N, C-alpha and C. Protein backbone atom coordinates (compact mmCIF):
# COMPACT_ATOMS: atom_id res chain seq x y z
N UNK A 1 -16.76 4.94 -9.23
CA UNK A 1 -17.63 3.76 -9.21
C UNK A 1 -16.97 2.64 -10.01
N UNK A 2 -16.98 1.43 -9.49
CA UNK A 2 -16.34 0.31 -10.16
C UNK A 2 -17.15 -0.14 -11.36
N UNK A 3 -16.49 -0.93 -12.22
CA UNK A 3 -17.17 -1.46 -13.39
C UNK A 3 -18.35 -2.33 -12.98
N UNK A 4 -18.16 -3.18 -11.96
CA UNK A 4 -19.24 -4.07 -11.52
C UNK A 4 -20.43 -3.28 -11.00
N UNK A 5 -20.17 -2.24 -10.21
CA UNK A 5 -21.29 -1.45 -9.66
C UNK A 5 -22.01 -0.70 -10.77
N UNK A 6 -21.26 -0.25 -11.78
CA UNK A 6 -21.89 0.41 -12.93
C UNK A 6 -22.80 -0.56 -13.66
N UNK A 7 -22.33 -1.79 -13.87
CA UNK A 7 -23.15 -2.81 -14.54
C UNK A 7 -24.42 -3.09 -13.74
N UNK A 8 -24.27 -3.21 -12.43
CA UNK A 8 -25.44 -3.49 -11.59
C UNK A 8 -26.47 -2.37 -11.64
N UNK A 9 -26.01 -1.15 -11.61
CA UNK A 9 -26.94 -0.03 -11.69
C UNK A 9 -27.65 0.01 -13.04
N UNK A 10 -26.91 -0.34 -14.08
CA UNK A 10 -27.53 -0.39 -15.42
C UNK A 10 -28.54 -1.52 -15.51
N UNK A 11 -28.22 -2.64 -14.91
CA UNK A 11 -29.16 -3.77 -14.90
C UNK A 11 -30.45 -3.39 -14.19
N UNK A 12 -30.30 -2.73 -13.08
CA UNK A 12 -31.50 -2.35 -12.31
C UNK A 12 -32.36 -1.37 -13.11
N UNK A 13 -31.71 -0.38 -13.74
CA UNK A 13 -32.48 0.59 -14.53
C UNK A 13 -33.14 -0.07 -15.73
N UNK A 14 -32.39 -0.96 -16.40
CA UNK A 14 -32.92 -1.61 -17.59
C UNK A 14 -34.10 -2.52 -17.26
N UNK A 15 -34.04 -3.17 -16.10
CA UNK A 15 -35.10 -4.11 -15.71
C UNK A 15 -36.35 -3.40 -15.21
N UNK A 16 -36.14 -2.21 -14.64
CA UNK A 16 -37.27 -1.51 -14.02
C UNK A 16 -37.60 -2.01 -12.63
N UNK A 17 -36.82 -2.99 -12.14
CA UNK A 17 -37.06 -3.55 -10.81
C UNK A 17 -36.42 -2.66 -9.74
N UNK A 18 -36.99 -2.67 -8.58
CA UNK A 18 -36.31 -2.04 -7.45
C UNK A 18 -35.11 -2.91 -7.08
N UNK A 19 -34.21 -2.34 -6.31
CA UNK A 19 -33.04 -3.09 -5.89
C UNK A 19 -33.45 -4.31 -5.07
N UNK A 20 -34.45 -4.12 -4.20
CA UNK A 20 -34.90 -5.23 -3.37
C UNK A 20 -35.52 -6.34 -4.22
N UNK A 21 -36.29 -5.94 -5.26
CA UNK A 21 -36.93 -6.93 -6.12
C UNK A 21 -35.89 -7.69 -6.94
N UNK A 22 -34.88 -6.97 -7.41
CA UNK A 22 -33.81 -7.63 -8.17
C UNK A 22 -33.07 -8.63 -7.30
N UNK A 23 -32.81 -8.26 -6.06
CA UNK A 23 -32.14 -9.18 -5.13
C UNK A 23 -33.00 -10.42 -4.90
N UNK A 24 -34.30 -10.22 -4.74
CA UNK A 24 -35.20 -11.37 -4.51
C UNK A 24 -35.18 -12.30 -5.70
N UNK A 25 -35.25 -11.73 -6.91
CA UNK A 25 -35.27 -12.57 -8.12
C UNK A 25 -33.95 -13.31 -8.31
N UNK A 26 -32.86 -12.69 -7.86
CA UNK A 26 -31.54 -13.34 -7.99
C UNK A 26 -31.25 -14.26 -6.81
N UNK A 27 -32.21 -14.35 -5.88
CA UNK A 27 -32.07 -15.20 -4.70
C UNK A 27 -30.82 -14.87 -3.88
N UNK A 28 -30.69 -13.56 -3.60
CA UNK A 28 -29.60 -13.13 -2.74
C UNK A 28 -30.15 -12.05 -1.80
N UNK A 29 -29.40 -11.74 -0.76
CA UNK A 29 -29.88 -10.75 0.20
C UNK A 29 -29.77 -9.36 -0.40
N UNK A 30 -30.66 -8.48 0.04
CA UNK A 30 -30.61 -7.09 -0.40
C UNK A 30 -29.32 -6.43 0.06
N UNK A 31 -28.85 -6.81 1.24
CA UNK A 31 -27.60 -6.24 1.76
C UNK A 31 -26.41 -6.55 0.84
N UNK A 32 -26.39 -7.78 0.31
CA UNK A 32 -25.30 -8.15 -0.61
C UNK A 32 -25.36 -7.31 -1.87
N UNK A 33 -26.58 -7.13 -2.40
CA UNK A 33 -26.73 -6.35 -3.62
C UNK A 33 -26.34 -4.89 -3.39
N UNK A 34 -26.68 -4.35 -2.23
CA UNK A 34 -26.28 -2.98 -1.89
C UNK A 34 -24.76 -2.87 -1.86
N UNK A 35 -24.10 -3.85 -1.26
CA UNK A 35 -22.63 -3.83 -1.19
C UNK A 35 -22.01 -3.90 -2.58
N UNK A 36 -22.60 -4.71 -3.48
CA UNK A 36 -22.10 -4.78 -4.85
C UNK A 36 -22.32 -3.46 -5.58
N UNK A 37 -23.54 -2.92 -5.44
CA UNK A 37 -23.90 -1.70 -6.16
C UNK A 37 -23.07 -0.50 -5.73
N UNK A 38 -22.63 -0.49 -4.45
CA UNK A 38 -21.82 0.61 -3.95
C UNK A 38 -20.33 0.37 -4.09
N UNK A 39 -19.97 -0.77 -4.68
CA UNK A 39 -18.57 -1.06 -4.92
C UNK A 39 -17.79 -1.51 -3.71
N UNK A 40 -18.50 -1.88 -2.65
CA UNK A 40 -17.81 -2.33 -1.43
C UNK A 40 -17.35 -3.78 -1.55
N UNK A 41 -18.03 -4.55 -2.39
CA UNK A 41 -17.64 -5.94 -2.63
C UNK A 41 -17.68 -6.19 -4.14
N UNK A 42 -16.83 -7.12 -4.59
CA UNK A 42 -16.80 -7.49 -6.00
C UNK A 42 -17.68 -8.71 -6.21
N UNK A 43 -18.73 -8.62 -7.03
CA UNK A 43 -19.64 -9.74 -7.18
C UNK A 43 -19.06 -10.90 -7.99
N UNK A 44 -18.06 -10.65 -8.81
CA UNK A 44 -17.54 -11.70 -9.67
C UNK A 44 -18.42 -11.94 -10.87
N UNK A 45 -17.86 -12.57 -11.89
CA UNK A 45 -18.57 -12.75 -13.15
C UNK A 45 -19.80 -13.63 -12.99
N UNK A 46 -19.69 -14.72 -12.24
CA UNK A 46 -20.83 -15.64 -12.08
C UNK A 46 -22.03 -14.92 -11.45
N UNK A 47 -21.77 -14.09 -10.45
CA UNK A 47 -22.85 -13.35 -9.80
C UNK A 47 -23.45 -12.31 -10.73
N UNK A 48 -22.61 -11.65 -11.52
CA UNK A 48 -23.12 -10.68 -12.49
C UNK A 48 -24.03 -11.36 -13.51
N UNK A 49 -23.64 -12.55 -13.95
CA UNK A 49 -24.48 -13.30 -14.90
C UNK A 49 -25.81 -13.69 -14.26
N UNK A 50 -25.76 -14.07 -13.01
CA UNK A 50 -26.98 -14.43 -12.27
C UNK A 50 -27.91 -13.22 -12.13
N UNK A 51 -27.33 -12.06 -11.83
CA UNK A 51 -28.12 -10.84 -11.70
C UNK A 51 -28.69 -10.40 -13.05
N UNK A 52 -27.91 -10.57 -14.10
CA UNK A 52 -28.41 -10.21 -15.43
C UNK A 52 -29.60 -11.09 -15.81
N UNK A 53 -29.50 -12.36 -15.49
CA UNK A 53 -30.60 -13.28 -15.75
C UNK A 53 -31.84 -12.87 -14.95
N UNK A 54 -31.64 -12.51 -13.69
CA UNK A 54 -32.76 -12.07 -12.85
C UNK A 54 -33.38 -10.79 -13.36
N UNK A 55 -32.54 -9.93 -13.96
CA UNK A 55 -33.03 -8.66 -14.50
C UNK A 55 -33.62 -8.81 -15.90
N UNK A 56 -33.58 -10.04 -16.43
CA UNK A 56 -34.08 -10.33 -17.77
C UNK A 56 -33.30 -9.52 -18.82
N UNK A 57 -31.98 -9.50 -18.61
CA UNK A 57 -31.07 -8.79 -19.51
C UNK A 57 -29.97 -9.75 -19.98
N UNK A 58 -29.34 -9.41 -21.08
CA UNK A 58 -28.18 -10.14 -21.54
C UNK A 58 -26.92 -9.42 -21.08
N UNK A 59 -26.01 -10.15 -20.48
CA UNK A 59 -24.71 -9.60 -20.08
C UNK A 59 -23.71 -9.96 -21.18
N UNK A 60 -23.23 -8.96 -21.88
CA UNK A 60 -22.32 -9.18 -23.00
C UNK A 60 -20.95 -8.64 -22.63
N UNK A 61 -19.96 -9.52 -22.64
CA UNK A 61 -18.59 -9.13 -22.34
C UNK A 61 -17.83 -9.04 -23.65
N UNK A 62 -17.20 -7.90 -23.87
CA UNK A 62 -16.53 -7.67 -25.14
C UNK A 62 -15.10 -7.27 -24.90
N UNK A 63 -14.21 -7.84 -25.68
CA UNK A 63 -12.81 -7.46 -25.63
C UNK A 63 -12.53 -6.51 -26.80
N UNK A 64 -12.07 -5.30 -26.48
CA UNK A 64 -11.80 -4.31 -27.51
C UNK A 64 -10.34 -3.89 -27.47
N UNK A 65 -9.72 -3.75 -28.62
CA UNK A 65 -8.34 -3.26 -28.62
C UNK A 65 -8.30 -1.80 -28.18
N UNK A 66 -7.21 -1.41 -27.53
CA UNK A 66 -7.05 -0.02 -27.15
C UNK A 66 -6.83 0.83 -28.39
N UNK A 67 -7.38 2.02 -28.35
CA UNK A 67 -7.23 2.93 -29.47
C UNK A 67 -6.30 4.06 -29.09
N UNK A 68 -5.50 4.51 -30.06
CA UNK A 68 -4.67 5.68 -29.84
C UNK A 68 -5.55 6.93 -29.85
N UNK A 69 -5.00 8.06 -29.44
CA UNK A 69 -5.79 9.29 -29.42
C UNK A 69 -6.31 9.66 -30.81
N UNK A 70 -5.49 9.59 -31.87
CA UNK A 70 -6.04 9.85 -33.21
C UNK A 70 -7.12 8.85 -33.61
N UNK A 71 -6.96 7.58 -33.22
CA UNK A 71 -7.98 6.58 -33.55
C UNK A 71 -9.28 6.84 -32.82
N UNK A 72 -9.19 7.31 -31.57
CA UNK A 72 -10.41 7.65 -30.82
C UNK A 72 -11.13 8.81 -31.51
N UNK A 73 -10.36 9.83 -31.91
CA UNK A 73 -10.96 10.97 -32.60
C UNK A 73 -11.66 10.53 -33.88
N UNK A 74 -10.99 9.72 -34.67
CA UNK A 74 -11.56 9.26 -35.93
C UNK A 74 -12.80 8.41 -35.70
N UNK A 75 -12.76 7.55 -34.68
CA UNK A 75 -13.92 6.73 -34.36
C UNK A 75 -15.11 7.59 -33.98
N UNK A 76 -14.90 8.60 -33.13
CA UNK A 76 -16.01 9.45 -32.69
C UNK A 76 -16.57 10.27 -33.84
N UNK A 77 -15.71 10.71 -34.74
CA UNK A 77 -16.20 11.41 -35.93
C UNK A 77 -17.08 10.49 -36.77
N UNK A 78 -16.66 9.24 -36.92
CA UNK A 78 -17.45 8.29 -37.70
C UNK A 78 -18.75 7.90 -36.99
N UNK A 79 -18.74 7.90 -35.68
CA UNK A 79 -19.99 7.65 -34.96
C UNK A 79 -20.99 8.78 -35.22
N UNK A 80 -20.50 10.00 -35.25
CA UNK A 80 -21.38 11.13 -35.55
C UNK A 80 -21.90 11.04 -36.99
N UNK A 81 -21.03 10.64 -37.90
CA UNK A 81 -21.45 10.47 -39.29
C UNK A 81 -22.45 9.33 -39.42
N UNK A 82 -22.22 8.25 -38.67
CA UNK A 82 -23.13 7.10 -38.72
C UNK A 82 -24.53 7.49 -38.28
N UNK A 83 -24.62 8.40 -37.31
CA UNK A 83 -25.94 8.86 -36.87
C UNK A 83 -26.66 9.59 -38.00
N UNK A 84 -25.91 10.38 -38.76
CA UNK A 84 -26.52 11.09 -39.89
C UNK A 84 -26.87 10.11 -41.02
N UNK A 85 -26.03 9.09 -41.17
CA UNK A 85 -26.28 8.06 -42.18
C UNK A 85 -27.57 7.31 -41.86
N UNK A 86 -27.76 6.97 -40.60
CA UNK A 86 -28.97 6.25 -40.20
C UNK A 86 -30.22 7.09 -40.45
N UNK A 87 -30.09 8.40 -40.26
CA UNK A 87 -31.25 9.29 -40.44
C UNK A 87 -31.53 9.60 -41.90
N UNK A 88 -30.48 9.62 -42.72
CA UNK A 88 -30.65 9.99 -44.13
C UNK A 88 -29.69 9.20 -45.00
N UNK A 89 -29.90 7.89 -45.14
CA UNK A 89 -28.94 7.04 -45.86
C UNK A 89 -28.75 7.42 -47.32
N UNK A 90 -29.79 7.82 -47.99
CA UNK A 90 -29.69 8.10 -49.43
C UNK A 90 -28.68 9.21 -49.72
N UNK A 91 -28.83 10.35 -49.04
CA UNK A 91 -27.95 11.48 -49.31
C UNK A 91 -26.53 11.24 -48.82
N UNK A 92 -26.39 10.63 -47.66
CA UNK A 92 -25.05 10.40 -47.12
C UNK A 92 -24.28 9.41 -47.98
N UNK A 93 -24.93 8.35 -48.41
CA UNK A 93 -24.25 7.36 -49.26
C UNK A 93 -23.91 7.96 -50.61
N UNK A 94 -24.81 8.78 -51.16
CA UNK A 94 -24.53 9.42 -52.45
C UNK A 94 -23.30 10.32 -52.33
N UNK A 95 -23.20 11.07 -51.24
CA UNK A 95 -22.05 11.94 -51.03
C UNK A 95 -20.77 11.12 -50.87
N UNK A 96 -20.86 10.01 -50.14
CA UNK A 96 -19.70 9.14 -49.95
C UNK A 96 -19.24 8.55 -51.27
N UNK A 97 -20.18 8.20 -52.12
CA UNK A 97 -19.80 7.65 -53.44
C UNK A 97 -19.06 8.70 -54.27
N UNK A 98 -19.52 9.94 -54.22
CA UNK A 98 -18.83 11.00 -54.95
C UNK A 98 -17.42 11.20 -54.41
N UNK A 99 -17.32 11.23 -53.09
CA UNK A 99 -16.00 11.38 -52.48
C UNK A 99 -15.08 10.23 -52.84
N UNK A 100 -15.64 9.02 -52.86
CA UNK A 100 -14.84 7.84 -53.17
C UNK A 100 -14.29 7.91 -54.60
N UNK A 101 -15.12 8.39 -55.52
CA UNK A 101 -14.67 8.53 -56.91
C UNK A 101 -13.53 9.54 -57.01
N UNK A 102 -13.63 10.64 -56.27
CA UNK A 102 -12.56 11.64 -56.27
C UNK A 102 -11.29 11.07 -55.65
N UNK A 103 -11.44 10.32 -54.58
CA UNK A 103 -10.27 9.72 -53.92
C UNK A 103 -9.57 8.74 -54.84
N UNK A 104 -10.34 7.97 -55.58
CA UNK A 104 -9.72 7.03 -56.55
C UNK A 104 -8.95 7.80 -57.62
N UNK A 105 -9.54 8.90 -58.08
CA UNK A 105 -8.88 9.70 -59.12
C UNK A 105 -7.58 10.31 -58.65
N UNK A 106 -7.50 10.60 -57.35
CA UNK A 106 -6.29 11.21 -56.79
C UNK A 106 -5.26 10.19 -56.31
N UNK A 107 -5.67 8.93 -56.26
CA UNK A 107 -4.78 7.88 -55.75
C UNK A 107 -3.99 7.29 -56.93
N UNK A 108 -3.11 8.10 -57.49
CA UNK A 108 -2.42 7.72 -58.72
C UNK A 108 -1.54 6.47 -58.57
N UNK A 109 -0.97 6.28 -57.41
CA UNK A 109 -0.08 5.13 -57.21
C UNK A 109 -0.80 3.94 -56.58
N UNK A 110 -2.08 4.07 -56.32
CA UNK A 110 -2.86 2.96 -55.79
C UNK A 110 -2.56 2.61 -54.34
N UNK A 111 -2.01 3.56 -53.58
CA UNK A 111 -1.64 3.25 -52.20
C UNK A 111 -2.85 3.03 -51.30
N UNK A 112 -3.97 3.64 -51.67
CA UNK A 112 -5.17 3.50 -50.84
C UNK A 112 -6.21 2.58 -51.45
N UNK A 113 -5.83 1.85 -52.48
CA UNK A 113 -6.82 1.05 -53.22
C UNK A 113 -7.50 0.00 -52.35
N UNK A 114 -6.76 -0.61 -51.43
CA UNK A 114 -7.38 -1.62 -50.56
C UNK A 114 -8.47 -0.99 -49.69
N UNK A 115 -8.17 0.19 -49.13
CA UNK A 115 -9.15 0.88 -48.30
C UNK A 115 -10.36 1.29 -49.14
N UNK A 116 -10.09 1.85 -50.30
CA UNK A 116 -11.16 2.35 -51.16
C UNK A 116 -12.04 1.20 -51.65
N UNK A 117 -11.43 0.07 -51.97
CA UNK A 117 -12.21 -1.10 -52.38
C UNK A 117 -13.10 -1.59 -51.25
N UNK A 118 -12.56 -1.54 -50.02
CA UNK A 118 -13.35 -1.97 -48.86
C UNK A 118 -14.56 -1.05 -48.66
N UNK A 119 -14.34 0.26 -48.79
CA UNK A 119 -15.47 1.20 -48.67
C UNK A 119 -16.48 1.00 -49.78
N UNK A 120 -15.98 0.72 -50.99
CA UNK A 120 -16.90 0.50 -52.11
C UNK A 120 -17.82 -0.68 -51.83
N UNK A 121 -17.25 -1.76 -51.33
CA UNK A 121 -18.05 -2.94 -51.02
C UNK A 121 -19.07 -2.62 -49.92
N UNK A 122 -18.66 -1.84 -48.93
CA UNK A 122 -19.58 -1.49 -47.85
C UNK A 122 -20.70 -0.58 -48.35
N UNK A 123 -20.37 0.37 -49.21
CA UNK A 123 -21.38 1.28 -49.76
C UNK A 123 -22.36 0.54 -50.66
N UNK A 124 -21.89 -0.53 -51.29
CA UNK A 124 -22.76 -1.33 -52.16
C UNK A 124 -23.62 -2.32 -51.37
N UNK A 125 -23.29 -2.52 -50.11
CA UNK A 125 -24.01 -3.49 -49.28
C UNK A 125 -25.11 -2.84 -48.46
N UNK A 126 -25.65 -3.58 -47.50
CA UNK A 126 -26.72 -3.04 -46.66
C UNK A 126 -26.21 -1.92 -45.74
N UNK A 127 -27.08 -0.98 -45.45
CA UNK A 127 -26.70 0.17 -44.63
C UNK A 127 -26.24 -0.26 -43.24
N UNK A 128 -26.89 -1.27 -42.65
CA UNK A 128 -26.50 -1.69 -41.30
C UNK A 128 -25.07 -2.23 -41.28
N UNK A 129 -24.64 -2.88 -42.36
CA UNK A 129 -23.27 -3.37 -42.43
C UNK A 129 -22.27 -2.23 -42.54
N UNK A 130 -22.64 -1.20 -43.29
CA UNK A 130 -21.79 -0.02 -43.42
C UNK A 130 -21.64 0.68 -42.08
N UNK A 131 -22.73 0.87 -41.38
CA UNK A 131 -22.68 1.53 -40.07
C UNK A 131 -21.86 0.72 -39.08
N UNK A 132 -22.02 -0.59 -39.10
CA UNK A 132 -21.27 -1.45 -38.19
C UNK A 132 -19.76 -1.28 -38.42
N UNK A 133 -19.35 -1.22 -39.67
CA UNK A 133 -17.93 -1.06 -39.98
C UNK A 133 -17.43 0.33 -39.58
N UNK A 134 -18.28 1.33 -39.71
CA UNK A 134 -17.88 2.70 -39.37
C UNK A 134 -17.58 2.87 -37.90
N UNK A 135 -18.30 2.13 -37.04
CA UNK A 135 -18.17 2.34 -35.60
C UNK A 135 -17.47 1.19 -34.90
N UNK A 136 -16.97 0.22 -35.65
CA UNK A 136 -16.30 -0.92 -35.04
C UNK A 136 -14.91 -0.51 -34.53
N UNK A 137 -14.44 -1.23 -33.54
CA UNK A 137 -13.08 -0.99 -33.02
C UNK A 137 -12.10 -2.07 -33.45
N UNK A 138 -12.53 -2.96 -34.36
CA UNK A 138 -11.61 -4.03 -34.76
C UNK A 138 -10.53 -3.48 -35.70
N UNK A 139 -9.51 -4.30 -35.94
CA UNK A 139 -8.34 -3.84 -36.70
C UNK A 139 -8.70 -3.42 -38.12
N UNK A 140 -9.59 -4.18 -38.78
CA UNK A 140 -9.96 -3.86 -40.15
C UNK A 140 -10.65 -2.51 -40.24
N UNK A 141 -11.55 -2.23 -39.29
CA UNK A 141 -12.26 -0.95 -39.29
C UNK A 141 -11.30 0.20 -39.03
N UNK A 142 -10.35 0.01 -38.11
CA UNK A 142 -9.37 1.06 -37.84
C UNK A 142 -8.56 1.37 -39.10
N UNK A 143 -8.24 0.33 -39.85
CA UNK A 143 -7.46 0.53 -41.07
C UNK A 143 -8.22 1.34 -42.11
N UNK A 144 -9.45 0.93 -42.41
CA UNK A 144 -10.16 1.61 -43.50
C UNK A 144 -10.57 3.03 -43.14
N UNK A 145 -10.71 3.33 -41.83
CA UNK A 145 -11.06 4.70 -41.45
C UNK A 145 -9.93 5.68 -41.75
N UNK A 146 -8.74 5.16 -42.08
CA UNK A 146 -7.64 6.04 -42.47
C UNK A 146 -7.91 6.72 -43.81
N UNK A 147 -8.76 6.13 -44.61
CA UNK A 147 -9.11 6.70 -45.92
C UNK A 147 -10.63 6.72 -46.03
N UNK A 148 -11.25 7.61 -45.28
CA UNK A 148 -12.71 7.65 -45.19
C UNK A 148 -13.31 8.49 -46.30
N UNK A 149 -14.41 8.03 -46.91
CA UNK A 149 -15.06 8.80 -47.97
C UNK A 149 -16.18 9.72 -47.46
N UNK A 150 -16.17 10.04 -46.17
CA UNK A 150 -17.29 10.79 -45.60
C UNK A 150 -16.96 12.25 -45.31
N UNK A 151 -15.99 12.78 -46.03
CA UNK A 151 -15.67 14.20 -45.88
C UNK A 151 -16.88 15.05 -46.26
N UNK A 152 -17.12 16.09 -45.46
CA UNK A 152 -18.21 17.01 -45.78
C UNK A 152 -19.56 16.63 -45.24
N UNK A 153 -19.67 15.45 -44.61
CA UNK A 153 -20.97 15.02 -44.06
C UNK A 153 -21.31 15.82 -42.81
N UNK A 154 -20.32 16.02 -41.95
CA UNK A 154 -20.54 16.80 -40.74
C UNK A 154 -20.30 18.27 -41.01
N UNK A 155 -21.10 19.10 -40.39
CA UNK A 155 -20.87 20.54 -40.46
C UNK A 155 -19.66 20.89 -39.60
N UNK A 156 -19.12 22.11 -39.78
CA UNK A 156 -18.00 22.53 -38.94
C UNK A 156 -18.37 22.48 -37.47
N UNK A 157 -19.59 22.90 -37.15
CA UNK A 157 -20.02 22.89 -35.74
C UNK A 157 -20.08 21.48 -35.19
N UNK A 158 -20.56 20.54 -36.01
CA UNK A 158 -20.64 19.14 -35.57
C UNK A 158 -19.25 18.54 -35.38
N UNK A 159 -18.35 18.85 -36.28
CA UNK A 159 -16.98 18.37 -36.15
C UNK A 159 -16.33 18.95 -34.90
N UNK A 160 -16.57 20.22 -34.67
CA UNK A 160 -15.99 20.87 -33.50
C UNK A 160 -16.48 20.22 -32.22
N UNK A 161 -17.77 19.91 -32.17
CA UNK A 161 -18.32 19.25 -30.97
C UNK A 161 -17.61 17.92 -30.71
N UNK A 162 -17.41 17.15 -31.77
CA UNK A 162 -16.73 15.85 -31.60
C UNK A 162 -15.29 16.05 -31.16
N UNK A 163 -14.60 16.96 -31.81
CA UNK A 163 -13.19 17.19 -31.48
C UNK A 163 -13.01 17.73 -30.07
N UNK A 164 -13.94 18.55 -29.62
CA UNK A 164 -13.85 19.05 -28.25
C UNK A 164 -14.12 17.94 -27.24
N UNK A 165 -14.97 16.98 -27.61
CA UNK A 165 -15.28 15.89 -26.69
C UNK A 165 -14.13 14.89 -26.60
N UNK A 166 -13.22 14.92 -27.55
CA UNK A 166 -12.07 13.99 -27.53
C UNK A 166 -10.80 14.76 -27.21
N UNK A 167 -10.19 15.38 -28.21
CA UNK A 167 -8.94 16.12 -28.00
C UNK A 167 -9.11 17.28 -27.02
N UNK A 168 -10.23 18.01 -27.16
CA UNK A 168 -10.42 19.18 -26.31
C UNK A 168 -10.47 18.82 -24.84
N UNK A 169 -11.21 17.77 -24.52
CA UNK A 169 -11.30 17.32 -23.13
C UNK A 169 -9.94 16.87 -22.61
N UNK A 170 -9.20 16.18 -23.46
CA UNK A 170 -7.88 15.70 -23.05
C UNK A 170 -6.93 16.86 -22.79
N UNK A 171 -6.93 17.85 -23.70
CA UNK A 171 -6.05 19.00 -23.54
C UNK A 171 -6.41 19.80 -22.29
N UNK A 172 -7.72 19.97 -22.06
CA UNK A 172 -8.15 20.71 -20.87
C UNK A 172 -7.71 19.99 -19.60
N UNK A 173 -7.84 18.66 -19.59
CA UNK A 173 -7.46 17.89 -18.40
C UNK A 173 -5.96 17.97 -18.15
N UNK A 174 -5.16 17.89 -19.22
CA UNK A 174 -3.72 17.89 -19.06
C UNK A 174 -3.18 19.27 -18.69
N UNK A 175 -3.79 20.30 -19.26
CA UNK A 175 -3.27 21.66 -19.06
C UNK A 175 -3.87 22.36 -17.86
N UNK A 176 -5.01 21.84 -17.38
CA UNK A 176 -5.69 22.50 -16.28
C UNK A 176 -6.52 23.69 -16.72
N UNK A 177 -6.62 23.90 -18.05
CA UNK A 177 -7.41 25.03 -18.54
C UNK A 177 -8.87 24.61 -18.63
N UNK A 178 -9.81 25.53 -18.40
CA UNK A 178 -11.23 25.20 -18.55
C UNK A 178 -11.54 24.79 -19.98
N UNK A 179 -12.49 23.88 -20.14
CA UNK A 179 -12.83 23.37 -21.47
C UNK A 179 -13.30 24.49 -22.39
N UNK A 180 -14.00 25.48 -21.85
CA UNK A 180 -14.47 26.59 -22.68
C UNK A 180 -13.31 27.45 -23.17
N UNK A 181 -12.27 27.56 -22.36
CA UNK A 181 -11.08 28.29 -22.80
C UNK A 181 -10.41 27.57 -23.97
N UNK A 182 -10.32 26.25 -23.87
CA UNK A 182 -9.73 25.46 -24.95
C UNK A 182 -10.57 25.64 -26.23
N UNK A 183 -11.90 25.64 -26.07
CA UNK A 183 -12.78 25.83 -27.23
C UNK A 183 -12.54 27.20 -27.87
N UNK A 184 -12.44 28.24 -27.04
CA UNK A 184 -12.22 29.58 -27.58
C UNK A 184 -10.88 29.68 -28.30
N UNK A 185 -9.86 29.05 -27.74
CA UNK A 185 -8.55 29.06 -28.38
C UNK A 185 -8.59 28.36 -29.73
N UNK A 186 -9.32 27.25 -29.78
CA UNK A 186 -9.44 26.51 -31.03
C UNK A 186 -10.19 27.34 -32.06
N UNK A 187 -11.29 27.95 -31.66
CA UNK A 187 -12.07 28.78 -32.58
C UNK A 187 -11.23 29.94 -33.10
N UNK A 188 -10.39 30.51 -32.25
CA UNK A 188 -9.53 31.61 -32.67
C UNK A 188 -8.53 31.14 -33.72
N UNK A 189 -7.99 29.94 -33.52
CA UNK A 189 -7.04 29.39 -34.50
C UNK A 189 -7.73 29.14 -35.84
N UNK A 190 -8.96 28.63 -35.77
CA UNK A 190 -9.70 28.38 -37.01
C UNK A 190 -9.99 29.69 -37.72
N UNK A 191 -10.41 30.71 -36.95
CA UNK A 191 -10.74 32.01 -37.53
C UNK A 191 -9.53 32.64 -38.19
N UNK A 192 -8.33 32.41 -37.62
CA UNK A 192 -7.11 33.00 -38.18
C UNK A 192 -6.54 32.13 -39.30
N UNK A 193 -7.24 31.01 -39.59
CA UNK A 193 -6.82 30.07 -40.64
C UNK A 193 -5.46 29.44 -40.35
N UNK A 194 -5.07 29.43 -39.06
CA UNK A 194 -3.79 28.80 -38.72
C UNK A 194 -3.91 27.29 -38.64
N UNK A 195 -5.15 26.79 -38.56
CA UNK A 195 -5.38 25.35 -38.60
C UNK A 195 -6.62 25.08 -39.42
N UNK A 196 -6.72 23.87 -39.91
CA UNK A 196 -7.94 23.41 -40.56
C UNK A 196 -8.79 22.70 -39.51
N UNK A 197 -10.10 22.71 -39.70
CA UNK A 197 -10.98 22.10 -38.70
C UNK A 197 -10.72 20.61 -38.56
N UNK A 198 -10.26 19.96 -39.60
CA UNK A 198 -10.01 18.54 -39.52
C UNK A 198 -8.58 18.19 -39.14
N UNK A 199 -7.75 19.20 -38.86
CA UNK A 199 -6.35 18.96 -38.56
C UNK A 199 -6.21 18.20 -37.25
N UNK A 200 -5.45 17.10 -37.28
CA UNK A 200 -5.30 16.26 -36.10
C UNK A 200 -4.58 16.98 -34.96
N UNK A 201 -3.80 18.00 -35.26
CA UNK A 201 -3.01 18.63 -34.21
C UNK A 201 -3.64 19.92 -33.70
N UNK A 202 -4.80 20.25 -34.16
CA UNK A 202 -5.31 21.59 -33.91
C UNK A 202 -5.57 21.89 -32.44
N UNK A 203 -5.95 20.91 -31.65
CA UNK A 203 -6.23 21.20 -30.25
C UNK A 203 -5.10 20.81 -29.33
N UNK A 204 -4.03 20.32 -29.89
CA UNK A 204 -2.90 19.93 -29.04
C UNK A 204 -1.77 20.96 -29.12
N UNK A 205 -1.88 21.87 -30.06
CA UNK A 205 -0.81 22.86 -30.21
C UNK A 205 -0.83 23.86 -29.07
């Protein structure tokens, strides 16, 4: 399914309108909307904006930098942590502060001080700003996630779920092995202590 047809289907679901009603509100034929929704024709940006207006939705176009495989993994781990932070900010922030203090104590040469200072400012600020930085794809967020103070927030099972959804899916697709086989192999490696659960290479070996 094309990007345009995906957007159109989302607009229709978000609006609650039938396809015919959405076409009427956008002042276009139902046949045209069907062709767009099925990917047979490209509606173009102007038409998508017109349909979004008819659906009483905002069409937001965002440019995001591409992420490397390790950056995708780290982002998804932080998204999972952000969900726990939103549900229980007091405990998660307290744990992050403890981790941050330990990281500062171990950073004898100050190589991570810029990252740690950035996290400190975020932890001292509003929770919504902290969450936004945790899940952002901009360059600054990618940088500070290299020295994250959120170790121990996710359980091993939660980390495994995230890693299987990123590295595990990629390895299964490339190797042709079933995803459950990749999961079993990973669990066996963890059980034998040949890898750590947070090891970046654990599902690619």
